[in-house]
PDB file of all heavy atoms in Angstrom:
ATOM      1  N   ASN A   1       4.967 -12.087   5.376  1.00  0.00           N
ATOM      2  CA  ASN A   1       5.707 -11.441   4.546  1.00  0.00           C
ATOM      3  C   ASN A   1       6.394 -10.174   5.085  1.00  0.00           C
ATOM      4  O   ASN A   1       5.560  -9.338   5.704  1.00  0.00           O
ATOM      5  CB  ASN A   1       4.967 -11.030   3.112  1.00  0.00           C
ATOM      6  CG  ASN A   1       5.806 -10.367   2.046  1.00  0.00           C
ATOM      7  OD1 ASN A   1       6.822  -9.700   2.255  1.00  0.00           O
ATOM      8  ND2 ASN A   1       5.390 -10.768   0.904  1.00  0.00           N
ATOM      9  N   PRO A   2       7.710 -10.004   5.168  1.00  0.00           N
ATOM     10  CA  PRO A   2       8.187  -8.870   5.901  1.00  0.00           C
ATOM     11  C   PRO A   2       7.809  -7.475   5.381  1.00  0.00           C
ATOM     12  O   PRO A   2       7.608  -6.584   6.125  1.00  0.00           O
ATOM     13  CB  PRO A   2       9.767  -9.050   5.799  1.00  0.00           C
ATOM     14  CG  PRO A   2       9.824 -10.116   4.660  1.00  0.00           C
ATOM     15  CD  PRO A   2       8.698 -10.956   4.695  1.00  0.00           C
ATOM     16  N   SER A   3       7.554  -7.501   3.998  1.00  0.00           N
ATOM     17  CA  SER A   3       7.151  -6.149   3.462  1.00  0.00           C
ATOM     18  C   SER A   3       5.779  -5.814   4.050  1.00  0.00           C
ATOM     19  O   SER A   3       5.443  -4.605   4.315  1.00  0.00           O
ATOM     20  CB  SER A   3       7.142  -6.265   1.904  1.00  0.00           C
ATOM     21  OG  SER A   3       6.077  -7.113   1.526  1.00  0.00           O
ATOM     22  N   GLY A   4       4.831  -6.821   4.285  1.00  0.00           N
ATOM     23  CA  GLY A   4       3.655  -6.516   4.895  1.00  0.00           C
ATOM     24  C   GLY A   4       3.742  -6.022   6.283  1.00  0.00           C
ATOM     25  O   GLY A   4       3.034  -5.170   6.755  1.00  0.00           O
ATOM     26  N   GLU A   5       4.689  -6.533   7.039  1.00  0.00           N
ATOM     27  CA  GLU A   5       4.937  -6.154   8.400  1.00  0.00           C
ATOM     28  C   GLU A   5       5.441  -4.832   8.465  1.00  0.00           C
ATOM     29  O   GLU A   5       5.235  -4.061   9.380  1.00  0.00           O
ATOM     30  CB  GLU A   5       5.826  -7.272   9.150  1.00  0.00           C
ATOM     31  CG  GLU A   5       5.233  -8.699   9.147  1.00  0.00           C
ATOM     32  CD  GLU A   5       3.941  -8.540   9.893  1.00  0.00           C
ATOM     33  OE1 GLU A   5       3.799  -8.217  11.013  1.00  0.00           O
ATOM     34  OE2 GLU A   5       2.868  -9.063   9.292  1.00  0.00           O
ATOM     35  N   ILE A   6       6.416  -4.503   7.509  1.00  0.00           N
ATOM     36  CA  ILE A   6       7.046  -3.209   7.347  1.00  0.00           C
ATOM     37  C   ILE A   6       5.949  -2.108   7.221  1.00  0.00           C
ATOM     38  O   ILE A   6       6.019  -1.039   7.986  1.00  0.00           O
ATOM     39  CB  ILE A   6       8.051  -3.168   6.312  1.00  0.00           C
ATOM     40  CG1 ILE A   6       9.328  -3.951   6.769  1.00  0.00           C
ATOM     41  CG2 ILE A   6       8.495  -1.663   6.001  1.00  0.00           C
ATOM     42  CD1 ILE A   6      10.258  -4.243   5.524  1.00  0.00           C
ATOM     43  N   ILE A   7       4.981  -2.235   6.334  1.00  0.00           N
ATOM     44  CA  ILE A   7       4.116  -1.178   5.999  1.00  0.00           C
ATOM     45  C   ILE A   7       3.140  -1.158   7.262  1.00  0.00           C
ATOM     46  O   ILE A   7       2.634  -0.040   7.571  1.00  0.00           O
ATOM     47  CB  ILE A   7       3.260  -1.364   4.732  1.00  0.00           C
ATOM     48  CG1 ILE A   7       2.475  -2.594   4.781  1.00  0.00           C
ATOM     49  CG2 ILE A   7       4.228  -1.295   3.587  1.00  0.00           C
ATOM     50  CD1 ILE A   7       1.433  -2.724   3.603  1.00  0.00           C
ATOM     51  N   LYS A   8       2.918  -2.075   7.925  1.00  0.00           N
ATOM     52  CA  LYS A   8       2.093  -1.988   9.109  1.00  0.00           C
ATOM     53  C   LYS A   8       2.710  -1.183  10.238  1.00  0.00           C
ATOM     54  O   LYS A   8       2.066  -0.377  10.873  1.00  0.00           O
ATOM     55  CB  LYS A   8       1.819  -3.502   9.726  1.00  0.00           C
ATOM     56  CG  LYS A   8       0.824  -3.554  10.853  1.00  0.00           C
ATOM     57  CD  LYS A   8       0.776  -4.856  11.582  1.00  0.00           C
ATOM     58  CE  LYS A   8       0.439  -6.014  10.555  1.00  0.00           C
ATOM     59  NZ  LYS A   8       0.499  -7.362  11.230  1.00  0.00           N
ATOM     60  N   ALA A   9       4.012  -1.382  10.458  1.00  0.00           N
ATOM     61  CA  ALA A   9       4.768  -0.565  11.406  1.00  0.00           C
ATOM     62  C   ALA A   9       4.861   0.914  10.931  1.00  0.00           C
ATOM     63  O   ALA A   9       4.803   1.738  11.705  1.00  0.00           O
ATOM     64  CB  ALA A   9       6.139  -1.182  11.421  1.00  0.00           C
ATOM     65  N   LEU A  10       5.038   1.138   9.599  1.00  0.00           N
ATOM     66  CA  LEU A  10       5.118   2.477   9.035  1.00  0.00           C
ATOM     67  C   LEU A  10       3.779   3.223   9.285  1.00  0.00           C
ATOM     68  O   LEU A  10       3.786   4.385   9.649  1.00  0.00           O
ATOM     69  CB  LEU A  10       5.488   2.421   7.674  1.00  0.00           C
ATOM     70  CG  LEU A  10       6.803   2.014   7.144  1.00  0.00           C
ATOM     71  CD1 LEU A  10       6.998   1.942   5.612  1.00  0.00           C
ATOM     72  CD2 LEU A  10       7.829   3.018   7.815  1.00  0.00           C
ATOM     73  N   ALA A  11       2.697   2.516   9.155  1.00  0.00           N
ATOM     74  CA  ALA A  11       1.433   3.089   9.295  1.00  0.00           C
ATOM     75  C   ALA A  11       1.212   3.546  10.894  1.00  0.00           C
ATOM     76  O   ALA A  11       0.680   4.615  11.186  1.00  0.00           O
ATOM     77  CB  ALA A  11       0.224   2.059   9.105  1.00  0.00           C
ATOM     78  N   GLU A  12       1.780   2.755  11.854  1.00  0.00           N
ATOM     79  CA  GLU A  12       1.790   3.049  13.225  1.00  0.00           C
ATOM     80  C   GLU A  12       2.739   4.317  13.400  1.00  0.00           C
ATOM     81  O   GLU A  12       2.403   5.229  14.241  1.00  0.00           O
ATOM     82  CB  GLU A  12       2.147   1.885  14.073  1.00  0.00           C
ATOM     83  CG  GLU A  12       1.109   0.832  13.993  1.00  0.00           C
ATOM     84  CD  GLU A  12       1.656  -0.474  14.767  1.00  0.00           C
ATOM     85  OE1 GLU A  12       2.775  -0.389  15.329  1.00  0.00           O
ATOM     86  OE2 GLU A  12       0.834  -1.425  14.823  1.00  0.00           O
ATOM     87  N   ALA A  13       3.868   4.279  12.772  1.00  0.00           N
ATOM     88  CA  ALA A  13       4.843   5.297  13.022  1.00  0.00           C
ATOM     89  C   ALA A  13       4.555   6.769  12.491  1.00  0.00           C
ATOM     90  O   ALA A  13       4.818   7.763  13.174  1.00  0.00           O
ATOM     91  CB  ALA A  13       6.240   5.043  12.565  1.00  0.00           C
ATOM     92  N   PHE A  14       3.884   6.710  11.225  1.00  0.00           N
ATOM     93  CA  PHE A  14       3.635   8.016  10.592  1.00  0.00           C
ATOM     94  C   PHE A  14       2.189   8.387  10.610  1.00  0.00           C
ATOM     95  O   PHE A  14       1.882   9.470  10.250  1.00  0.00           O
ATOM     96  CB  PHE A  14       4.320   7.956   9.132  1.00  0.00           C
ATOM     97  CG  PHE A  14       5.581   7.756   8.978  1.00  0.00           C
ATOM     98  CD1 PHE A  14       6.298   6.538   8.943  1.00  0.00           C
ATOM     99  CD2 PHE A  14       6.377   9.035   9.064  1.00  0.00           C
ATOM    100  CE1 PHE A  14       7.670   6.454   8.863  1.00  0.00           C
ATOM    101  CE2 PHE A  14       7.755   8.989   8.947  1.00  0.00           C
ATOM    102  CZ  PHE A  14       8.516   7.689   8.925  1.00  0.00           C
ATOM    103  N   GLY A  15       1.352   7.421  10.876  1.00  0.00           N
ATOM    104  CA  GLY A  15      -0.114   7.776  10.906  1.00  0.00           C
ATOM    105  C   GLY A  15      -0.684   8.252   9.614  1.00  0.00           C
ATOM    106  O   GLY A  15      -0.276   7.751   8.561  1.00  0.00           O
ATOM    107  N   GLU A  16      -1.479   9.349   9.577  1.00  0.00           N
ATOM    108  CA  GLU A  16      -2.064   9.867   8.516  1.00  0.00           C
ATOM    109  C   GLU A  16      -1.113  10.531   7.500  1.00  0.00           C
ATOM    110  O   GLU A  16      -1.596  10.941   6.394  1.00  0.00           O
ATOM    111  CB  GLU A  16      -3.197  10.839   8.867  1.00  0.00           C
ATOM    112  CG  GLU A  16      -4.270  10.204   9.683  1.00  0.00           C
ATOM    113  CD  GLU A  16      -5.464  11.130   9.922  1.00  0.00           C
ATOM    114  OE1 GLU A  16      -5.235  12.394   9.657  1.00  0.00           O
ATOM    115  OE2 GLU A  16      -6.492  10.609  10.550  1.00  0.00           O
ATOM    116  N   ASN A  17       0.201  10.695   7.962  1.00  0.00           N
ATOM    117  CA  ASN A  17       1.137  11.425   7.002  1.00  0.00           C
ATOM    118  C   ASN A  17       1.598  10.430   5.991  1.00  0.00           C
ATOM    119  O   ASN A  17       2.385  10.885   5.036  1.00  0.00           O
ATOM    120  CB  ASN A  17       2.318  11.912   7.907  1.00  0.00           C
ATOM    121  CG  ASN A  17       1.907  13.003   8.800  1.00  0.00           C
ATOM    122  OD1 ASN A  17       1.219  13.806   8.544  1.00  0.00           O
ATOM    123  ND2 ASN A  17       2.514  12.896  10.090  1.00  0.00           N
ATOM    124  N   LEU A  18       1.156   9.223   6.040  1.00  0.00           N
ATOM    125  CA  LEU A  18       1.661   8.311   5.036  1.00  0.00           C
ATOM    126  C   LEU A  18       0.388   7.378   4.495  1.00  0.00           C
ATOM    127  O   LEU A  18      -0.528   7.141   5.347  1.00  0.00           O
ATOM    128  CB  LEU A  18       2.636   7.188   5.670  1.00  0.00           C
ATOM    129  CG  LEU A  18       3.712   6.666   4.907  1.00  0.00           C
ATOM    130  CD1 LEU A  18       4.582   7.643   4.228  1.00  0.00           C
ATOM    131  CD2 LEU A  18       4.552   5.583   5.677  1.00  0.00           C
ATOM    132  N   CYS A  19       0.319   7.047   3.231  1.00  0.00           N
ATOM    133  CA  CYS A  19      -0.598   6.297   2.719  1.00  0.00           C
ATOM    134  C   CYS A  19      -0.101   4.845   2.498  1.00  0.00           C
ATOM    135  O   CYS A  19       0.971   4.661   1.866  1.00  0.00           O
ATOM    136  CB  CYS A  19      -1.210   6.786   1.351  1.00  0.00           C
ATOM    137  SG  CYS A  19      -1.530   8.520   1.277  1.00  0.00           S
ATOM    138  N   ILE A  20      -0.838   3.855   3.026  1.00  0.00           N
ATOM    139  CA  ILE A  20      -0.382   2.510   3.156  1.00  0.00           C
ATOM    140  C   ILE A  20      -1.268   1.645   2.327  1.00  0.00           C
ATOM    141  O   ILE A  20      -2.536   1.729   2.438  1.00  0.00           O
ATOM    142  CB  ILE A  20      -0.221   1.992   4.543  1.00  0.00           C
ATOM    143  CG1 ILE A  20       0.526   2.861   5.386  1.00  0.00           C
ATOM    144  CG2 ILE A  20      -0.035   0.513   4.568  1.00  0.00           C
ATOM    145  CD1 ILE A  20       2.023   2.839   4.950  1.00  0.00           C
ATOM    146  N   LEU A  21      -0.726   0.692   1.486  1.00  0.00           N
ATOM    147  CA  LEU A  21      -1.526  -0.192   0.707  1.00  0.00           C
ATOM    148  C   LEU A  21      -0.829  -1.543   0.640  1.00  0.00           C
ATOM    149  O   LEU A  21       0.327  -1.806   0.397  1.00  0.00           O
ATOM    150  CB  LEU A  21      -1.569   0.268  -0.701  1.00  0.00           C
ATOM    151  CG  LEU A  21      -2.339  -0.614  -1.798  1.00  0.00           C
ATOM    152  CD1 LEU A  21      -3.833  -0.797  -1.360  1.00  0.00           C
ATOM    153  CD2 LEU A  21      -2.138  -0.030  -3.226  1.00  0.00           C
ATOM    154  N   LYS A  22      -1.685  -2.581   1.126  1.00  0.00           N
ATOM    155  CA  LYS A  22      -1.100  -3.965   1.160  1.00  0.00           C
ATOM    156  C   LYS A  22      -1.649  -4.642  -0.145  1.00  0.00           C
ATOM    157  O   LYS A  22      -2.881  -4.666  -0.199  1.00  0.00           O
ATOM    158  CB  LYS A  22      -1.594  -4.702   2.584  1.00  0.00           C
ATOM    159  CG  LYS A  22      -1.004  -6.095   2.591  1.00  0.00           C
ATOM    160  CD  LYS A  22      -1.314  -6.692   3.992  1.00  0.00           C
ATOM    161  CE  LYS A  22      -0.607  -8.086   4.106  1.00  0.00           C
ATOM    162  NZ  LYS A  22      -0.996  -8.556   5.512  1.00  0.00           N
ATOM    163  N   LEU A  23      -0.753  -5.144  -0.917  1.00  0.00           N
ATOM    164  CA  LEU A  23      -1.181  -5.713  -2.134  1.00  0.00           C
ATOM    165  C   LEU A  23      -1.146  -7.198  -1.997  1.00  0.00           C
ATOM    166  O   LEU A  23      -0.327  -7.871  -1.321  1.00  0.00           O
ATOM    167  CB  LEU A  23      -0.077  -5.301  -3.262  1.00  0.00           C
ATOM    168  CG  LEU A  23       0.050  -3.829  -3.648  1.00  0.00           C
ATOM    169  CD1 LEU A  23       1.210  -3.480  -4.383  1.00  0.00           C
ATOM    170  CD2 LEU A  23      -1.332  -3.483  -4.319  1.00  0.00           C
ATOM    171  N   PRO A  24      -2.030  -7.923  -2.838  1.00  0.00           N
ATOM    172  CA  PRO A  24      -2.016  -9.349  -2.897  1.00  0.00           C
ATOM    173  C   PRO A  24      -0.844  -9.810  -3.935  1.00  0.00           C
ATOM    174  O   PRO A  24      -0.464  -8.887  -4.755  1.00  0.00           O
ATOM    175  CB  PRO A  24      -3.380  -9.652  -3.591  1.00  0.00           C
ATOM    176  CG  PRO A  24      -3.600  -8.404  -4.516  1.00  0.00           C
ATOM    177  CD  PRO A  24      -3.084  -7.194  -3.607  1.00  0.00           C
ATOM    178  N   VAL A  25      -0.369 -10.972  -3.701  1.00  0.00           N
ATOM    179  CA  VAL A  25       0.583 -11.459  -4.551  1.00  0.00           C
ATOM    180  C   VAL A  25      -0.083 -12.053  -5.741  1.00  0.00           C
ATOM    181  O   VAL A  25      -0.094 -13.323  -5.904  1.00  0.00           O
ATOM    182  CB  VAL A  25       1.535 -12.523  -3.911  1.00  0.00           C
ATOM    183  CG1 VAL A  25       2.694 -13.023  -4.826  1.00  0.00           C
ATOM    184  CG2 VAL A  25       2.257 -11.817  -2.557  1.00  0.00           C
ATOM    185  N   GLU A  26      -0.572 -11.339  -6.607  1.00  0.00           N
ATOM    186  CA  GLU A  26      -1.383 -11.584  -7.766  1.00  0.00           C
ATOM    187  C   GLU A  26      -0.939 -10.605  -8.825  1.00  0.00           C
ATOM    188  O   GLU A  26      -1.096  -9.449  -8.566  1.00  0.00           O
ATOM    189  CB  GLU A  26      -2.864 -11.569  -7.606  1.00  0.00           C
ATOM    190  CG  GLU A  26      -3.358 -12.524  -6.372  1.00  0.00           C
ATOM    191  CD  GLU A  26      -4.793 -12.259  -6.014  1.00  0.00           C
ATOM    192  OE1 GLU A  26      -5.488 -11.651  -7.085  1.00  0.00           O
ATOM    193  OE2 GLU A  26      -5.254 -12.488  -5.027  1.00  0.00           O
ATOM    194  N   PHE A  27      -0.414 -11.108  -9.936  1.00  0.00           N
ATOM    195  CA  PHE A  27      -0.018 -10.209 -10.985  1.00  0.00           C
ATOM    196  C   PHE A  27      -1.013  -9.138 -11.418  1.00  0.00           C
ATOM    197  O   PHE A  27      -0.829  -7.943 -11.355  1.00  0.00           O
ATOM    198  CB  PHE A  27       0.464 -10.990 -12.324  1.00  0.00           C
ATOM    199  CG  PHE A  27       1.744 -11.714 -12.130  1.00  0.00           C
ATOM    200  CD1 PHE A  27       1.738 -13.019 -11.628  1.00  0.00           C
ATOM    201  CD2 PHE A  27       2.894 -11.000 -12.523  1.00  0.00           C
ATOM    202  CE1 PHE A  27       3.031 -13.683 -11.625  1.00  0.00           C
ATOM    203  CE2 PHE A  27       4.091 -11.691 -12.364  1.00  0.00           C
ATOM    204  CZ  PHE A  27       4.254 -12.993 -11.908  1.00  0.00           C
ATOM    205  N   LYS A  28      -2.087  -9.555 -11.743  1.00  0.00           N
ATOM    206  CA  LYS A  28      -3.173  -8.654 -12.349  1.00  0.00           C
ATOM    207  C   LYS A  28      -3.875  -7.824 -11.263  1.00  0.00           C
ATOM    208  O   LYS A  28      -3.879  -6.581 -11.447  1.00  0.00           O
ATOM    209  CB  LYS A  28      -4.304  -9.517 -13.095  1.00  0.00           C
ATOM    210  CG  LYS A  28      -3.698 -10.256 -14.246  1.00  0.00           C
ATOM    211  CD  LYS A  28      -4.800 -11.016 -15.028  1.00  0.00           C
ATOM    212  CE  LYS A  28      -4.299 -11.688 -16.224  1.00  0.00           C
ATOM    213  NZ  LYS A  28      -5.303 -12.522 -16.906  1.00  0.00           N
ATOM    214  N   ARG A  29      -4.151  -8.410 -10.102  1.00  0.00           N
ATOM    215  CA  ARG A  29      -4.891  -7.657  -9.194  1.00  0.00           C
ATOM    216  C   ARG A  29      -3.950  -6.683  -8.457  1.00  0.00           C
ATOM    217  O   ARG A  29      -4.386  -5.519  -8.173  1.00  0.00           O
ATOM    218  CB  ARG A  29      -5.533  -8.610  -8.045  1.00  0.00           C
ATOM    219  CG  ARG A  29      -6.378  -7.865  -7.009  1.00  0.00           C
ATOM    220  CD  ARG A  29      -7.594  -7.460  -7.681  1.00  0.00           C
ATOM    221  NE  ARG A  29      -8.518  -6.880  -6.713  1.00  0.00           N
ATOM    222  CZ  ARG A  29      -9.262  -5.689  -6.985  1.00  0.00           C
ATOM    223  NH1 ARG A  29      -9.131  -5.109  -8.163  1.00  0.00           N
ATOM    224  NH2 ARG A  29     -10.081  -5.233  -6.066  1.00  0.00           N
ATOM    225  N   ALA A  30      -2.726  -7.070  -8.278  1.00  0.00           N
ATOM    226  CA  ALA A  30      -1.847  -6.100  -7.645  1.00  0.00           C
ATOM    227  C   ALA A  30      -1.511  -4.840  -8.479  1.00  0.00           C
ATOM    228  O   ALA A  30      -1.603  -3.657  -8.014  1.00  0.00           O
ATOM    229  CB  ALA A  30      -0.435  -6.713  -7.387  1.00  0.00           C
ATOM    230  N   GLY A  31      -1.532  -4.950  -9.846  1.00  0.00           N
ATOM    231  CA  GLY A  31      -1.336  -3.924 -10.702  1.00  0.00           C
ATOM    232  C   GLY A  31      -2.632  -3.021 -10.667  1.00  0.00           C
ATOM    233  O   GLY A  31      -2.495  -1.875 -10.816  1.00  0.00           O
ATOM    234  N   GLU A  32      -3.776  -3.572 -10.735  1.00  0.00           N
ATOM    235  CA  GLU A  32      -4.989  -2.954 -10.637  1.00  0.00           C
ATOM    236  C   GLU A  32      -5.243  -2.097  -9.403  1.00  0.00           C
ATOM    237  O   GLU A  32      -5.563  -0.877  -9.410  1.00  0.00           O
ATOM    238  CB  GLU A  32      -6.093  -3.909 -10.754  1.00  0.00           C
ATOM    239  CG  GLU A  32      -6.285  -4.592 -12.107  1.00  0.00           C
ATOM    240  CD  GLU A  32      -7.356  -5.601 -12.250  1.00  0.00           C
ATOM    241  OE1 GLU A  32      -7.806  -6.086 -11.194  1.00  0.00           O
ATOM    242  OE2 GLU A  32      -7.564  -6.282 -13.323  1.00  0.00           O
ATOM    243  N   LEU A  33      -4.856  -2.669  -8.293  1.00  0.00           N
ATOM    244  CA  LEU A  33      -4.994  -1.980  -7.099  1.00  0.00           C
ATOM    245  C   LEU A  33      -3.999  -0.821  -6.958  1.00  0.00           C
ATOM    246  O   LEU A  33      -4.355   0.206  -6.318  1.00  0.00           O
ATOM    247  CB  LEU A  33      -4.819  -3.072  -5.818  1.00  0.00           C
ATOM    248  CG  LEU A  33      -6.004  -3.922  -5.646  1.00  0.00           C
ATOM    249  CD1 LEU A  33      -5.703  -4.964  -4.602  1.00  0.00           C
ATOM    250  CD2 LEU A  33      -7.285  -3.305  -5.251  1.00  0.00           C
ATOM    251  N   LEU A  34      -2.835  -1.035  -7.431  1.00  0.00           N
ATOM    252  CA  LEU A  34      -1.833   0.055  -7.333  1.00  0.00           C
ATOM    253  C   LEU A  34      -2.315   1.151  -8.170  1.00  0.00           C
ATOM    254  O   LEU A  34      -2.288   2.361  -7.861  1.00  0.00           O
ATOM    255  CB  LEU A  34      -0.492  -0.556  -7.733  1.00  0.00           C
ATOM    256  CG  LEU A  34       0.627   0.591  -7.945  1.00  0.00           C
ATOM    257  CD1 LEU A  34       0.939   0.860  -6.496  1.00  0.00           C
ATOM    258  CD2 LEU A  34       1.759   0.033  -8.625  1.00  0.00           C
ATOM    259  N   GLU A  35      -2.881   0.882  -9.397  1.00  0.00           N
ATOM    260  CA  GLU A  35      -3.275   1.875 -10.206  1.00  0.00           C
ATOM    261  C   GLU A  35      -4.475   2.672  -9.599  1.00  0.00           C
ATOM    262  O   GLU A  35      -4.443   3.982  -9.677  1.00  0.00           O
ATOM    263  CB  GLU A  35      -3.591   1.338 -11.541  1.00  0.00           C
ATOM    264  CG  GLU A  35      -4.067   2.411 -12.586  1.00  0.00           C
ATOM    265  CD  GLU A  35      -4.291   1.955 -13.998  1.00  0.00           C
ATOM    266  OE1 GLU A  35      -4.006   0.695 -14.321  1.00  0.00           O
ATOM    267  OE2 GLU A  35      -4.746   2.731 -14.913  1.00  0.00           O
ATOM    268  N   GLU A  36      -5.298   2.000  -9.053  1.00  0.00           N
ATOM    269  CA  GLU A  36      -6.613   2.582  -8.415  1.00  0.00           C
ATOM    270  C   GLU A  36      -6.023   3.596  -7.304  1.00  0.00           C
ATOM    271  O   GLU A  36      -6.628   4.629  -7.173  1.00  0.00           O
ATOM    272  CB  GLU A  36      -7.391   1.626  -7.671  1.00  0.00           C
ATOM    273  CG  GLU A  36      -8.267   0.702  -8.915  1.00  0.00           C
ATOM    274  CD  GLU A  36      -8.978  -0.437  -8.271  1.00  0.00           C
ATOM    275  OE1 GLU A  36      -8.923  -0.539  -6.973  1.00  0.00           O
ATOM    276  OE2 GLU A  36      -9.562  -1.213  -9.091  1.00  0.00           O
ATOM    277  N   ALA A  37      -5.034   3.180  -6.465  1.00  0.00           N
ATOM    278  CA  ALA A  37      -4.611   3.944  -5.367  1.00  0.00           C
ATOM    279  C   ALA A  37      -3.854   5.215  -5.917  1.00  0.00           C
ATOM    280  O   ALA A  37      -4.064   6.292  -5.381  1.00  0.00           O
ATOM    281  CB  ALA A  37      -3.628   3.167  -4.494  1.00  0.00           C
ATOM    282  N   ILE A  38      -3.052   4.958  -6.799  1.00  0.00           N
ATOM    283  CA  ILE A  38      -2.292   6.089  -7.426  1.00  0.00           C
ATOM    284  C   ILE A  38      -3.306   7.103  -8.132  1.00  0.00           C
ATOM    285  O   ILE A  38      -3.204   8.396  -7.888  1.00  0.00           O
ATOM    286  CB  ILE A  38      -1.335   5.740  -8.403  1.00  0.00           C
ATOM    287  CG1 ILE A  38      -0.169   5.068  -7.741  1.00  0.00           C
ATOM    288  CG2 ILE A  38      -0.703   6.963  -9.286  1.00  0.00           C
ATOM    289  CD1 ILE A  38       0.854   4.314  -8.725  1.00  0.00           C
ATOM    290  N   MET A  39      -4.334   6.652  -8.762  1.00  0.00           N
ATOM    291  CA  MET A  39      -5.327   7.485  -9.344  1.00  0.00           C
ATOM    292  C   MET A  39      -6.129   8.283  -8.290  1.00  0.00           C
ATOM    293  O   MET A  39      -6.277   9.479  -8.466  1.00  0.00           O
ATOM    294  CB  MET A  39      -6.395   6.595 -10.174  1.00  0.00           C
ATOM    295  CG  MET A  39      -5.780   6.056 -11.437  1.00  0.00           C
ATOM    296  SD  MET A  39      -5.442   7.315 -12.784  1.00  0.00           S
ATOM    297  CE  MET A  39      -7.178   7.618 -13.168  1.00  0.00           C
ATOM    298  N   ARG A  40      -6.375   7.560  -7.207  1.00  0.00           N
ATOM    299  CA  ARG A  40      -7.067   8.228  -6.092  1.00  0.00           C
ATOM    300  C   ARG A  40      -6.350   9.259  -5.378  1.00  0.00           C
ATOM    301  O   ARG A  40      -6.793  10.377  -5.003  1.00  0.00           O
ATOM    302  CB  ARG A  40      -7.872   7.142  -5.185  1.00  0.00           C
ATOM    303  CG  ARG A  40      -8.615   7.706  -4.072  1.00  0.00           C
ATOM    304  CD  ARG A  40      -9.235   6.601  -3.186  1.00  0.00           C
ATOM    305  NE  ARG A  40      -8.253   6.098  -2.335  1.00  0.00           N
ATOM    306  CZ  ARG A  40      -7.639   4.807  -2.524  1.00  0.00           C
ATOM    307  NH1 ARG A  40      -7.934   4.021  -3.698  1.00  0.00           N
ATOM    308  NH2 ARG A  40      -6.798   4.286  -1.678  1.00  0.00           N
ATOM    309  N   LEU A  41      -5.162   8.858  -4.961  1.00  0.00           N
ATOM    310  CA  LEU A  41      -4.247   9.625  -4.030  1.00  0.00           C
ATOM    311  C   LEU A  41      -3.400  10.650  -4.671  1.00  0.00           C
ATOM    312  O   LEU A  41      -3.044  11.590  -4.236  1.00  0.00           O
ATOM    313  CB  LEU A  41      -3.351   8.734  -3.260  1.00  0.00           C
ATOM    314  CG  LEU A  41      -4.206   7.645  -2.389  1.00  0.00           C
ATOM    315  CD1 LEU A  41      -3.286   6.643  -1.869  1.00  0.00           C
ATOM    316  CD2 LEU A  41      -4.845   8.472  -1.118  1.00  0.00           C
ATOM    317  N   GLN A  42      -2.933  10.334  -5.987  1.00  0.00           N
ATOM    318  CA  GLN A  42      -1.995  11.056  -6.702  1.00  0.00           C
ATOM    319  C   GLN A  42      -0.832  11.601  -5.832  1.00  0.00           C
ATOM    320  O   GLN A  42      -0.535  12.685  -5.625  1.00  0.00           O
ATOM    321  CB  GLN A  42      -2.742  12.503  -7.270  1.00  0.00           C
ATOM    322  CG  GLN A  42      -3.784  12.062  -8.288  1.00  0.00           C
ATOM    323  CD  GLN A  42      -4.389  13.299  -8.943  1.00  0.00           C
ATOM    324  OE1 GLN A  42      -3.804  14.176  -9.228  1.00  0.00           O
ATOM    325  NE2 GLN A  42      -5.661  13.189  -9.435  1.00  0.00           N
ATOM    326  N   PRO A  43      -0.177  10.493  -5.396  1.00  0.00           N
ATOM    327  CA  PRO A  43       1.011  10.757  -4.562  1.00  0.00           C
ATOM    328  C   PRO A  43       2.176  11.456  -5.228  1.00  0.00           C
ATOM    329  O   PRO A  43       2.381  11.266  -6.489  1.00  0.00           O
ATOM    330  CB  PRO A  43       1.431   9.411  -4.111  1.00  0.00           C
ATOM    331  CG  PRO A  43       0.994   8.485  -5.235  1.00  0.00           C
ATOM    332  CD  PRO A  43      -0.250   9.154  -5.696  1.00  0.00           C
TER     333      PRO A  43
END
């Protein structure tokens, strides 16, 4: 999936200055993981 490859490259380019999250293509789990990350990171 090109979006997965993009965030992998962004992680290498920006390092710790960027928070990266790879999501599953699953309606419920993707939403849950996104919410968990936003709650934790408060971006």
